[in-house]
N, C-alpha and C. Protein backbone atom coordinates (compact mmCIF):
# COMPACT_ATOMS: atom_id res chain seq x y z
N UNK A 1 0.85 -1.17 0.00
CA UNK A 1 0.00 0.00 0.00
C UNK A 1 0.90 1.23 0.00
N UNK A 2 0.74 2.09 -0.95
CA UNK A 2 1.57 3.29 -1.09
C UNK A 2 1.39 4.19 0.11
N UNK A 3 2.51 4.74 0.58
CA UNK A 3 2.46 5.71 1.67
C UNK A 3 2.07 5.13 3.01
N UNK A 4 2.39 3.87 3.26
CA UNK A 4 2.06 3.25 4.54
C UNK A 4 2.65 4.07 5.67
N UNK A 5 1.87 4.36 6.69
CA UNK A 5 2.31 5.27 7.74
C UNK A 5 3.14 4.60 8.83
N UNK A 6 3.18 3.31 8.88
CA UNK A 6 3.98 2.62 9.89
C UNK A 6 5.26 2.08 9.28
N UNK A 7 6.22 1.85 10.14
CA UNK A 7 7.45 1.18 9.73
C UNK A 7 7.04 -0.17 9.13
N UNK A 8 7.61 -0.51 8.00
CA UNK A 8 7.23 -1.72 7.29
C UNK A 8 8.43 -2.63 7.11
N UNK A 9 8.23 -3.91 7.39
CA UNK A 9 9.29 -4.91 7.26
C UNK A 9 8.84 -6.01 6.32
N UNK A 10 9.68 -6.33 5.35
CA UNK A 10 9.45 -7.46 4.45
C UNK A 10 10.10 -8.66 5.13
N UNK A 11 9.34 -9.70 5.37
CA UNK A 11 9.85 -10.89 6.07
C UNK A 11 10.27 -11.93 5.04
N UNK A 12 11.53 -12.32 5.09
CA UNK A 12 12.10 -13.30 4.17
C UNK A 12 11.65 -14.70 4.59
N UNK A 13 11.71 -15.64 3.66
CA UNK A 13 11.28 -17.02 3.93
C UNK A 13 12.02 -17.65 5.10
N UNK A 14 13.30 -17.31 5.24
CA UNK A 14 14.12 -17.92 6.30
C UNK A 14 13.67 -17.50 7.70
N UNK A 15 12.90 -16.42 7.84
CA UNK A 15 12.39 -16.04 9.16
C UNK A 15 10.93 -16.46 9.35
N UNK A 16 10.29 -16.89 8.27
CA UNK A 16 8.92 -17.42 8.39
C UNK A 16 8.93 -18.94 8.56
N UNK A 17 10.01 -19.59 8.17
CA UNK A 17 10.15 -21.05 8.29
C UNK A 17 10.14 -21.51 9.74
N UNK A 18 11.00 -20.99 10.62
CA UNK A 18 10.99 -21.46 12.02
C UNK A 18 9.80 -20.85 12.76
N UNK A 19 8.97 -21.69 13.33
CA UNK A 19 7.74 -21.22 13.98
C UNK A 19 8.02 -20.22 15.10
N UNK A 20 9.07 -20.42 15.86
CA UNK A 20 9.36 -19.52 16.99
C UNK A 20 9.69 -18.11 16.50
N UNK A 21 10.48 -18.02 15.44
CA UNK A 21 10.84 -16.71 14.91
C UNK A 21 9.63 -16.07 14.23
N UNK A 22 8.92 -16.85 13.41
CA UNK A 22 7.75 -16.31 12.72
C UNK A 22 6.71 -15.82 13.73
N UNK A 23 6.44 -16.62 14.75
CA UNK A 23 5.43 -16.23 15.74
C UNK A 23 5.87 -14.98 16.50
N UNK A 24 7.15 -14.89 16.82
CA UNK A 24 7.66 -13.70 17.51
C UNK A 24 7.48 -12.45 16.66
N UNK A 25 7.88 -12.55 15.39
CA UNK A 25 7.76 -11.40 14.49
C UNK A 25 6.30 -11.00 14.27
N UNK A 26 5.46 -11.98 14.03
CA UNK A 26 4.05 -11.67 13.77
C UNK A 26 3.33 -11.19 15.02
N UNK A 27 3.73 -11.67 16.19
CA UNK A 27 3.14 -11.20 17.44
C UNK A 27 3.40 -9.70 17.62
N UNK A 28 4.60 -9.28 17.28
CA UNK A 28 4.91 -7.84 17.39
C UNK A 28 4.18 -7.03 16.33
N UNK A 29 3.99 -7.60 15.15
CA UNK A 29 3.24 -6.90 14.11
C UNK A 29 1.78 -6.73 14.53
N UNK A 30 1.20 -7.80 15.06
CA UNK A 30 -0.19 -7.73 15.53
C UNK A 30 -0.33 -6.72 16.66
N UNK A 31 0.70 -6.59 17.48
CA UNK A 31 0.67 -5.62 18.59
C UNK A 31 0.83 -4.18 18.09
N UNK A 32 1.08 -4.00 16.79
CA UNK A 32 1.13 -2.67 16.21
C UNK A 32 2.50 -2.05 16.09
N UNK A 33 3.55 -2.82 16.31
CA UNK A 33 4.90 -2.26 16.22
C UNK A 33 5.29 -1.89 14.80
N UNK A 34 4.86 -2.67 13.83
CA UNK A 34 5.26 -2.45 12.44
C UNK A 34 4.26 -3.16 11.54
N UNK A 35 4.34 -2.87 10.25
CA UNK A 35 3.54 -3.58 9.25
C UNK A 35 4.39 -4.69 8.65
N UNK A 36 3.92 -5.92 8.75
CA UNK A 36 4.64 -7.08 8.22
C UNK A 36 4.15 -7.37 6.81
N UNK A 37 5.10 -7.64 5.92
CA UNK A 37 4.78 -7.95 4.52
C UNK A 37 5.58 -9.17 4.08
N UNK A 38 5.02 -9.91 3.14
CA UNK A 38 5.72 -10.96 2.43
C UNK A 38 4.96 -11.22 1.14
N UNK A 39 5.47 -12.12 0.33
CA UNK A 39 4.84 -12.43 -0.95
C UNK A 39 4.37 -13.88 -0.95
N UNK A 40 3.51 -14.21 -1.90
CA UNK A 40 3.09 -15.60 -2.06
C UNK A 40 4.30 -16.48 -2.40
N UNK A 41 5.25 -15.94 -3.13
CA UNK A 41 6.46 -16.70 -3.48
C UNK A 41 7.30 -16.98 -2.23
N UNK A 42 7.43 -16.00 -1.36
CA UNK A 42 8.14 -16.21 -0.09
C UNK A 42 7.41 -17.27 0.72
N UNK A 43 6.10 -17.19 0.74
CA UNK A 43 5.28 -18.18 1.44
C UNK A 43 5.52 -19.58 0.88
N UNK A 44 5.52 -19.70 -0.45
CA UNK A 44 5.79 -20.99 -1.09
C UNK A 44 7.17 -21.51 -0.72
N UNK A 45 8.15 -20.61 -0.61
CA UNK A 45 9.52 -21.02 -0.28
C UNK A 45 9.63 -21.62 1.12
N UNK A 46 9.05 -20.93 2.12
CA UNK A 46 9.19 -21.48 3.48
C UNK A 46 8.41 -22.77 3.63
N UNK A 47 7.26 -22.87 2.96
CA UNK A 47 6.48 -24.10 3.04
C UNK A 47 7.23 -25.25 2.37
N UNK A 48 7.78 -25.02 1.17
CA UNK A 48 8.53 -26.07 0.46
C UNK A 48 9.75 -26.51 1.27
N UNK A 49 10.47 -25.56 1.86
CA UNK A 49 11.65 -25.91 2.66
C UNK A 49 11.27 -26.72 3.89
N UNK A 50 10.19 -26.33 4.54
CA UNK A 50 9.76 -27.06 5.74
C UNK A 50 9.27 -28.45 5.39
N UNK A 51 8.53 -28.58 4.28
CA UNK A 51 8.07 -29.89 3.85
C UNK A 51 9.23 -30.79 3.42
N UNK A 52 10.26 -30.20 2.84
CA UNK A 52 11.44 -30.98 2.45
C UNK A 52 12.16 -31.52 3.68
N UNK A 53 12.32 -30.67 4.69
CA UNK A 53 13.02 -31.08 5.91
C UNK A 53 12.16 -31.89 6.86
N UNK A 54 10.85 -31.72 6.75
CA UNK A 54 9.91 -32.45 7.61
C UNK A 54 8.82 -33.06 6.74
N UNK A 55 9.10 -34.17 6.06
CA UNK A 55 8.12 -34.79 5.16
C UNK A 55 6.78 -35.11 5.85
N UNK A 56 6.82 -35.30 7.16
CA UNK A 56 5.58 -35.58 7.90
C UNK A 56 4.61 -34.40 7.87
N UNK A 57 5.11 -33.21 7.53
CA UNK A 57 4.25 -32.02 7.47
C UNK A 57 3.73 -31.73 6.07
N UNK A 58 4.12 -32.55 5.10
CA UNK A 58 3.70 -32.34 3.71
C UNK A 58 2.17 -32.25 3.63
N UNK A 59 1.71 -31.15 3.05
CA UNK A 59 0.28 -30.93 2.87
C UNK A 59 -0.46 -30.53 4.14
N UNK A 60 0.27 -30.29 5.24
CA UNK A 60 -0.38 -29.98 6.52
C UNK A 60 -0.06 -28.57 7.02
N UNK A 61 0.54 -27.74 6.17
CA UNK A 61 0.95 -26.40 6.62
C UNK A 61 -0.06 -25.31 6.23
N UNK A 62 -1.14 -25.69 5.60
CA UNK A 62 -2.15 -24.72 5.20
C UNK A 62 -2.76 -23.98 6.37
N UNK A 63 -2.97 -24.66 7.48
CA UNK A 63 -3.55 -24.02 8.66
C UNK A 63 -2.60 -22.95 9.19
N UNK A 64 -1.32 -23.28 9.26
CA UNK A 64 -0.34 -22.29 9.72
C UNK A 64 -0.30 -21.10 8.77
N UNK A 65 -0.24 -21.36 7.47
CA UNK A 65 -0.23 -20.29 6.47
C UNK A 65 -1.47 -19.41 6.61
N UNK A 66 -2.63 -20.03 6.73
CA UNK A 66 -3.88 -19.27 6.84
C UNK A 66 -3.95 -18.47 8.14
N UNK A 67 -3.40 -19.02 9.20
CA UNK A 67 -3.37 -18.28 10.48
C UNK A 67 -2.48 -17.05 10.36
N UNK A 68 -1.36 -17.19 9.66
CA UNK A 68 -0.47 -16.04 9.45
C UNK A 68 -1.18 -14.97 8.63
N UNK A 69 -1.87 -15.40 7.59
CA UNK A 69 -2.60 -14.45 6.75
C UNK A 69 -3.72 -13.76 7.54
N UNK A 70 -4.40 -14.50 8.38
CA UNK A 70 -5.47 -13.91 9.19
C UNK A 70 -4.92 -12.90 10.19
N UNK A 71 -3.77 -13.22 10.76
CA UNK A 71 -3.17 -12.33 11.74
C UNK A 71 -2.72 -11.02 11.10
N UNK A 72 -2.28 -11.09 9.85
CA UNK A 72 -1.76 -9.92 9.12
C UNK A 72 -2.56 -9.80 7.81
N UNK A 73 -3.76 -9.23 7.86
CA UNK A 73 -4.60 -9.20 6.65
C UNK A 73 -3.97 -8.49 5.45
N UNK A 74 -3.09 -7.54 5.69
CA UNK A 74 -2.46 -6.77 4.60
C UNK A 74 -1.04 -7.28 4.33
N UNK A 75 -0.85 -8.59 4.40
CA UNK A 75 0.46 -9.20 4.33
C UNK A 75 1.10 -9.18 2.95
N UNK A 76 0.29 -9.26 1.92
CA UNK A 76 0.84 -9.59 0.60
C UNK A 76 1.32 -8.40 -0.21
N UNK A 77 2.54 -8.55 -0.71
CA UNK A 77 3.02 -7.69 -1.78
C UNK A 77 2.74 -8.50 -3.05
N UNK A 78 1.86 -8.03 -3.85
CA UNK A 78 1.37 -8.77 -5.02
C UNK A 78 2.47 -8.96 -6.07
N UNK A 79 2.43 -10.10 -6.73
CA UNK A 79 3.38 -10.41 -7.79
C UNK A 79 3.33 -9.37 -8.90
N UNK A 80 2.16 -8.85 -9.18
CA UNK A 80 2.03 -7.85 -10.24
C UNK A 80 2.80 -6.58 -9.91
N UNK A 81 3.08 -6.35 -8.64
CA UNK A 81 3.87 -5.18 -8.23
C UNK A 81 5.36 -5.46 -8.32
N UNK A 82 5.81 -6.59 -7.75
CA UNK A 82 7.26 -6.83 -7.65
C UNK A 82 7.88 -7.47 -8.89
N UNK A 83 7.11 -8.24 -9.65
CA UNK A 83 7.67 -8.95 -10.80
C UNK A 83 8.32 -8.03 -11.83
N UNK A 84 7.71 -6.90 -12.20
CA UNK A 84 8.35 -6.02 -13.19
C UNK A 84 9.68 -5.42 -12.71
N UNK A 85 9.88 -5.34 -11.41
CA UNK A 85 11.09 -4.74 -10.83
C UNK A 85 12.20 -5.78 -10.69
N UNK A 86 11.84 -7.02 -10.48
CA UNK A 86 12.79 -8.08 -10.14
C UNK A 86 13.95 -8.19 -11.13
N UNK A 87 13.67 -8.23 -12.40
CA UNK A 87 14.72 -8.46 -13.41
C UNK A 87 15.76 -7.35 -13.47
N UNK A 88 15.41 -6.16 -13.03
CA UNK A 88 16.35 -5.04 -13.10
C UNK A 88 17.34 -5.03 -11.94
N UNK A 89 17.14 -5.88 -10.96
CA UNK A 89 17.97 -5.86 -9.76
C UNK A 89 19.18 -6.78 -9.90
N UNK A 90 20.30 -6.31 -9.39
CA UNK A 90 21.52 -7.11 -9.36
C UNK A 90 21.81 -7.46 -7.90
N UNK A 91 21.80 -8.76 -7.63
CA UNK A 91 21.99 -9.25 -6.27
C UNK A 91 23.03 -10.37 -6.29
N UNK A 92 23.71 -10.61 -5.16
CA UNK A 92 24.67 -11.72 -5.09
C UNK A 92 24.00 -13.07 -5.38
N UNK A 93 22.78 -13.25 -4.93
CA UNK A 93 22.03 -14.48 -5.20
C UNK A 93 20.79 -14.08 -5.99
N UNK A 94 20.73 -14.51 -7.23
CA UNK A 94 19.62 -14.13 -8.10
C UNK A 94 18.27 -14.54 -7.53
N UNK A 95 18.24 -15.58 -6.71
CA UNK A 95 16.98 -16.03 -6.11
C UNK A 95 16.43 -15.04 -5.09
N UNK A 96 17.25 -14.08 -4.67
CA UNK A 96 16.80 -13.09 -3.69
C UNK A 96 16.34 -11.79 -4.33
N UNK A 97 16.41 -11.69 -5.64
CA UNK A 97 15.96 -10.46 -6.30
C UNK A 97 14.50 -10.18 -6.02
N UNK A 98 13.68 -11.23 -5.99
CA UNK A 98 12.25 -10.99 -5.75
C UNK A 98 11.99 -10.44 -4.35
N UNK A 99 12.84 -10.80 -3.39
CA UNK A 99 12.68 -10.30 -2.02
C UNK A 99 12.93 -8.79 -2.00
N UNK A 100 14.02 -8.37 -2.62
CA UNK A 100 14.30 -6.93 -2.69
C UNK A 100 13.23 -6.22 -3.52
N UNK A 101 12.81 -6.82 -4.62
CA UNK A 101 11.76 -6.21 -5.44
C UNK A 101 10.47 -6.03 -4.63
N UNK A 102 10.15 -7.02 -3.82
CA UNK A 102 8.95 -6.92 -2.97
C UNK A 102 9.13 -5.85 -1.89
N UNK A 103 10.33 -5.76 -1.35
CA UNK A 103 10.59 -4.71 -0.35
C UNK A 103 10.43 -3.33 -0.97
N UNK A 104 10.95 -3.16 -2.17
CA UNK A 104 10.85 -1.86 -2.84
C UNK A 104 9.40 -1.52 -3.16
N UNK A 105 8.70 -2.45 -3.80
CA UNK A 105 7.32 -2.17 -4.21
C UNK A 105 6.34 -2.21 -3.06
N UNK A 106 6.71 -2.89 -1.98
CA UNK A 106 5.87 -2.93 -0.78
C UNK A 106 6.18 -1.80 0.19
N UNK A 107 7.06 -0.88 -0.22
CA UNK A 107 7.44 0.28 0.58
C UNK A 107 8.00 -0.12 1.95
N UNK A 108 8.80 -1.20 1.95
CA UNK A 108 9.39 -1.69 3.19
C UNK A 108 10.60 -0.84 3.57
N UNK A 109 10.75 -0.65 4.86
CA UNK A 109 11.92 0.04 5.39
C UNK A 109 13.08 -0.93 5.57
N UNK A 110 12.75 -2.21 5.75
CA UNK A 110 13.79 -3.20 5.96
C UNK A 110 13.34 -4.57 5.48
N UNK A 111 14.33 -5.44 5.34
CA UNK A 111 14.11 -6.85 5.07
C UNK A 111 14.61 -7.59 6.30
N UNK A 112 13.74 -8.35 6.94
CA UNK A 112 14.16 -9.15 8.08
C UNK A 112 14.55 -10.52 7.54
N UNK A 113 15.82 -10.87 7.75
CA UNK A 113 16.39 -12.09 7.18
C UNK A 113 17.55 -12.59 8.03
N UNK A 114 17.78 -13.88 7.96
CA UNK A 114 18.99 -14.43 8.58
C UNK A 114 20.12 -14.52 7.55
N UNK A 115 19.80 -14.27 6.29
CA UNK A 115 20.79 -14.33 5.21
C UNK A 115 21.31 -12.94 4.87
N UNK A 116 21.91 -12.28 5.83
CA UNK A 116 22.37 -10.90 5.64
C UNK A 116 23.36 -10.76 4.49
N UNK A 117 24.20 -11.75 4.29
CA UNK A 117 25.20 -11.64 3.22
C UNK A 117 24.56 -11.61 1.83
N UNK A 118 23.34 -12.10 1.73
CA UNK A 118 22.63 -12.07 0.45
C UNK A 118 22.05 -10.69 0.13
N UNK A 119 22.05 -9.81 1.12
CA UNK A 119 21.47 -8.48 0.96
C UNK A 119 22.48 -7.40 1.38
N UNK A 120 23.51 -7.20 0.56
CA UNK A 120 24.56 -6.24 0.94
C UNK A 120 24.04 -4.80 1.02
N UNK A 121 24.56 -4.10 2.01
CA UNK A 121 24.18 -2.71 2.23
C UNK A 121 24.42 -1.87 0.98
N UNK A 122 25.48 -2.17 0.25
CA UNK A 122 25.80 -1.39 -0.95
C UNK A 122 24.69 -1.47 -2.00
N UNK A 123 23.98 -2.57 -2.06
CA UNK A 123 22.86 -2.72 -3.00
C UNK A 123 21.59 -2.11 -2.41
N UNK A 124 21.31 -2.40 -1.14
CA UNK A 124 20.06 -1.95 -0.52
C UNK A 124 19.99 -0.44 -0.31
N UNK A 125 21.14 0.17 -0.06
CA UNK A 125 21.18 1.60 0.24
C UNK A 125 20.50 2.43 -0.84
N UNK A 126 20.73 2.06 -2.08
CA UNK A 126 20.15 2.79 -3.22
C UNK A 126 18.63 2.86 -3.14
N UNK A 127 18.02 1.87 -2.50
CA UNK A 127 16.57 1.78 -2.44
C UNK A 127 16.01 2.18 -1.07
N UNK A 128 16.87 2.63 -0.18
CA UNK A 128 16.41 3.06 1.14
C UNK A 128 15.91 1.91 2.00
N UNK A 129 16.48 0.74 1.79
CA UNK A 129 16.09 -0.46 2.53
C UNK A 129 17.31 -0.99 3.26
N UNK A 130 17.11 -1.53 4.44
CA UNK A 130 18.20 -2.18 5.16
C UNK A 130 17.83 -3.63 5.44
N UNK A 131 18.84 -4.47 5.59
CA UNK A 131 18.63 -5.86 5.99
C UNK A 131 19.00 -5.98 7.46
N UNK A 132 18.18 -6.69 8.20
CA UNK A 132 18.40 -6.82 9.64
C UNK A 132 18.02 -8.23 10.07
N UNK A 133 18.80 -8.79 10.98
CA UNK A 133 18.51 -10.14 11.46
C UNK A 133 17.31 -10.08 12.41
N UNK A 134 16.56 -11.18 12.55
CA UNK A 134 15.33 -11.14 13.33
C UNK A 134 15.53 -10.82 14.81
N UNK A 135 16.61 -11.29 15.40
CA UNK A 135 16.85 -11.03 16.82
C UNK A 135 17.06 -9.54 17.07
N UNK A 136 17.89 -8.92 16.25
CA UNK A 136 18.12 -7.48 16.39
C UNK A 136 16.84 -6.71 16.11
N UNK A 137 16.10 -7.12 15.10
CA UNK A 137 14.84 -6.45 14.77
C UNK A 137 13.87 -6.50 15.94
N UNK A 138 13.72 -7.67 16.56
CA UNK A 138 12.80 -7.82 17.69
C UNK A 138 13.23 -6.95 18.86
N UNK A 139 14.51 -6.96 19.18
CA UNK A 139 15.01 -6.14 20.30
C UNK A 139 14.80 -4.65 20.01
N UNK A 140 15.01 -4.24 18.76
CA UNK A 140 14.76 -2.84 18.40
C UNK A 140 13.29 -2.47 18.61
N UNK A 141 12.39 -3.37 18.25
CA UNK A 141 10.96 -3.11 18.46
C UNK A 141 10.66 -3.06 19.96
N UNK A 142 11.24 -3.99 20.69
CA UNK A 142 11.06 -4.05 22.15
C UNK A 142 11.44 -2.72 22.78
N UNK A 143 12.57 -2.15 22.33
CA UNK A 143 13.05 -0.89 22.90
C UNK A 143 12.09 0.27 22.69
N UNK A 144 11.25 0.17 21.66
CA UNK A 144 10.27 1.24 21.40
C UNK A 144 9.17 1.27 22.44
N UNK A 145 8.78 0.09 22.94
CA UNK A 145 7.68 0.02 23.90
C UNK A 145 7.77 -1.32 24.64
N UNK A 146 8.61 -1.39 25.68
CA UNK A 146 8.82 -2.66 26.37
C UNK A 146 7.54 -3.28 26.94
N UNK A 147 6.63 -2.47 27.44
CA UNK A 147 5.41 -3.01 28.04
C UNK A 147 4.56 -3.74 27.00
N UNK A 148 4.39 -3.13 25.84
CA UNK A 148 3.60 -3.76 24.79
C UNK A 148 4.32 -4.99 24.24
N UNK A 149 5.65 -4.95 24.14
CA UNK A 149 6.41 -6.11 23.67
C UNK A 149 6.26 -7.27 24.64
N UNK A 150 6.37 -7.00 25.93
CA UNK A 150 6.20 -8.05 26.94
C UNK A 150 4.79 -8.65 26.84
N UNK A 151 3.81 -7.80 26.66
CA UNK A 151 2.43 -8.28 26.51
C UNK A 151 2.29 -9.17 25.27
N UNK A 152 2.92 -8.79 24.17
CA UNK A 152 2.85 -9.60 22.95
C UNK A 152 3.47 -10.97 23.17
N UNK A 153 4.61 -11.02 23.88
CA UNK A 153 5.25 -12.31 24.14
C UNK A 153 4.46 -13.13 25.17
N UNK A 154 3.81 -12.45 26.09
CA UNK A 154 2.95 -13.16 27.05
C UNK A 154 1.80 -13.85 26.30
N UNK A 155 1.21 -13.14 25.35
CA UNK A 155 0.12 -13.72 24.54
C UNK A 155 0.65 -14.86 23.67
N UNK A 156 1.85 -14.70 23.14
CA UNK A 156 2.45 -15.76 22.33
C UNK A 156 2.65 -17.01 23.18
N UNK A 157 3.15 -16.83 24.37
CA UNK A 157 3.37 -17.96 25.26
C UNK A 157 2.04 -18.65 25.59
N UNK A 158 0.98 -17.87 25.78
CA UNK A 158 -0.33 -18.43 26.11
C UNK A 158 -0.93 -19.23 24.93
N UNK A 159 -0.54 -18.89 23.71
CA UNK A 159 -1.05 -19.60 22.53
C UNK A 159 -0.36 -20.94 22.29
N UNK A 160 0.73 -21.16 22.94
CA UNK A 160 1.49 -22.39 22.70
C UNK A 160 0.68 -23.61 23.10
N UNK A 161 1.03 -24.74 22.50
CA UNK A 161 0.32 -25.99 22.82
C UNK A 161 0.46 -26.34 24.30
N UNK A 162 1.58 -25.92 24.86
CA UNK A 162 1.81 -26.15 26.30
C UNK A 162 1.95 -24.78 26.98
N UNK A 163 0.84 -24.06 27.17
CA UNK A 163 0.94 -22.71 27.73
C UNK A 163 1.44 -22.68 29.17
N UNK A 164 1.40 -23.82 29.84
CA UNK A 164 1.88 -23.85 31.23
C UNK A 164 3.40 -23.95 31.32
N UNK A 165 4.07 -23.99 30.17
CA UNK A 165 5.52 -23.99 30.16
C UNK A 165 6.01 -22.75 30.91
N UNK A 166 6.99 -22.94 31.76
CA UNK A 166 7.49 -21.82 32.54
C UNK A 166 8.16 -20.76 31.69
N UNK A 167 8.29 -19.58 32.25
CA UNK A 167 8.90 -18.46 31.54
C UNK A 167 10.34 -18.78 31.14
N UNK A 168 11.07 -19.48 32.00
CA UNK A 168 12.46 -19.84 31.68
C UNK A 168 12.50 -20.80 30.49
N UNK A 169 11.59 -21.77 30.46
CA UNK A 169 11.54 -22.71 29.33
C UNK A 169 11.16 -21.99 28.04
N UNK A 170 10.26 -21.03 28.13
CA UNK A 170 9.85 -20.25 26.96
C UNK A 170 11.04 -19.45 26.43
N UNK A 171 11.80 -18.84 27.32
CA UNK A 171 13.00 -18.10 26.92
C UNK A 171 14.03 -19.02 26.28
N UNK A 172 14.21 -20.20 26.87
CA UNK A 172 15.15 -21.18 26.30
C UNK A 172 14.72 -21.61 24.90
N UNK A 173 13.42 -21.79 24.71
CA UNK A 173 12.85 -22.16 23.41
C UNK A 173 13.21 -21.12 22.36
N UNK A 174 13.07 -19.85 22.70
CA UNK A 174 13.40 -18.79 21.75
C UNK A 174 14.90 -18.69 21.50
N UNK A 175 15.68 -18.92 22.53
CA UNK A 175 17.13 -18.90 22.35
C UNK A 175 17.57 -20.03 21.41
N UNK A 176 17.03 -21.22 21.61
CA UNK A 176 17.37 -22.35 20.73
C UNK A 176 16.93 -22.08 19.30
N UNK A 177 15.90 -21.28 19.12
CA UNK A 177 15.40 -20.96 17.78
C UNK A 177 16.25 -19.90 17.08
N UNK A 178 17.21 -19.32 17.79
CA UNK A 178 18.09 -18.33 17.17
C UNK A 178 17.81 -16.90 17.59
N UNK A 179 17.14 -16.73 18.72
CA UNK A 179 16.82 -15.39 19.23
C UNK A 179 17.42 -15.19 20.62
N UNK A 180 18.77 -15.20 20.74
CA UNK A 180 19.38 -15.10 22.06
C UNK A 180 19.14 -13.77 22.77
N UNK A 181 19.19 -12.66 22.06
CA UNK A 181 18.97 -11.36 22.71
C UNK A 181 17.52 -11.22 23.16
N UNK A 182 16.61 -11.72 22.36
CA UNK A 182 15.19 -11.71 22.72
C UNK A 182 14.98 -12.57 23.97
N UNK A 183 15.59 -13.74 23.98
CA UNK A 183 15.49 -14.63 25.14
C UNK A 183 16.02 -13.95 26.40
N UNK A 184 17.12 -13.23 26.26
CA UNK A 184 17.69 -12.50 27.41
C UNK A 184 16.69 -11.47 27.94
N UNK A 185 16.06 -10.72 27.02
CA UNK A 185 15.05 -9.74 27.44
C UNK A 185 13.90 -10.43 28.18
N UNK A 186 13.48 -11.58 27.67
CA UNK A 186 12.37 -12.29 28.30
C UNK A 186 12.76 -12.84 29.67
N UNK A 187 14.00 -13.26 29.81
CA UNK A 187 14.45 -13.72 31.14
C UNK A 187 14.40 -12.57 32.14
N UNK A 188 14.79 -11.38 31.68
CA UNK A 188 14.74 -10.21 32.57
C UNK A 188 13.31 -9.84 32.96
N UNK A 189 12.35 -10.21 32.10
CA UNK A 189 10.93 -9.88 32.34
C UNK A 189 10.13 -11.11 32.70
N UNK A 190 10.80 -12.14 33.18
CA UNK A 190 10.14 -13.44 33.39
C UNK A 190 8.92 -13.38 34.30
N UNK A 191 8.91 -12.50 35.27
CA UNK A 191 7.76 -12.39 36.17
C UNK A 191 6.54 -11.81 35.49
N UNK A 192 6.75 -11.18 34.34
CA UNK A 192 5.64 -10.51 33.64
C UNK A 192 5.07 -11.34 32.49
N UNK A 193 5.79 -12.40 32.09
CA UNK A 193 5.26 -13.21 30.99
C UNK A 193 4.75 -14.54 31.51
């Protein structure tokens, strides 16, 4: 949507694949910290990768995909917007051109990714986009409004299949998922989550 008034982040497939990272990012988006965007192609990528690594989940990820879409109704950067831009982009990995094209056409301020080397600052700078890892992104959002961030993680913990898991176990779960700084923040706020 042109002229989006909130900070906007394009979420790469590598941060939507792991449920802990995806849920953390989307929980903060639902809490109003930023506008989350991705494409149907990004969605297809994380689903295909997860089904490849976990064949038992083949054909069973539609509920998760639909839940993500419901949580973020304005999630999609349409192919008709990013496709014409994709071919003009020069990237270290040609498979990532669509991600940058979607960030540009989706008016994203950043790309949240674990593949930072695929998105060099020298290329992104021209388009006013930065690449940031999910842990740093989450901590930056937390710093804007710690109370609302704690509330978002409290709700995330309550949605888990085992909501009675202790705060320390929840923090450990996020650390194992690749969010050590986020886990540290949650340990400091353990009495509140």
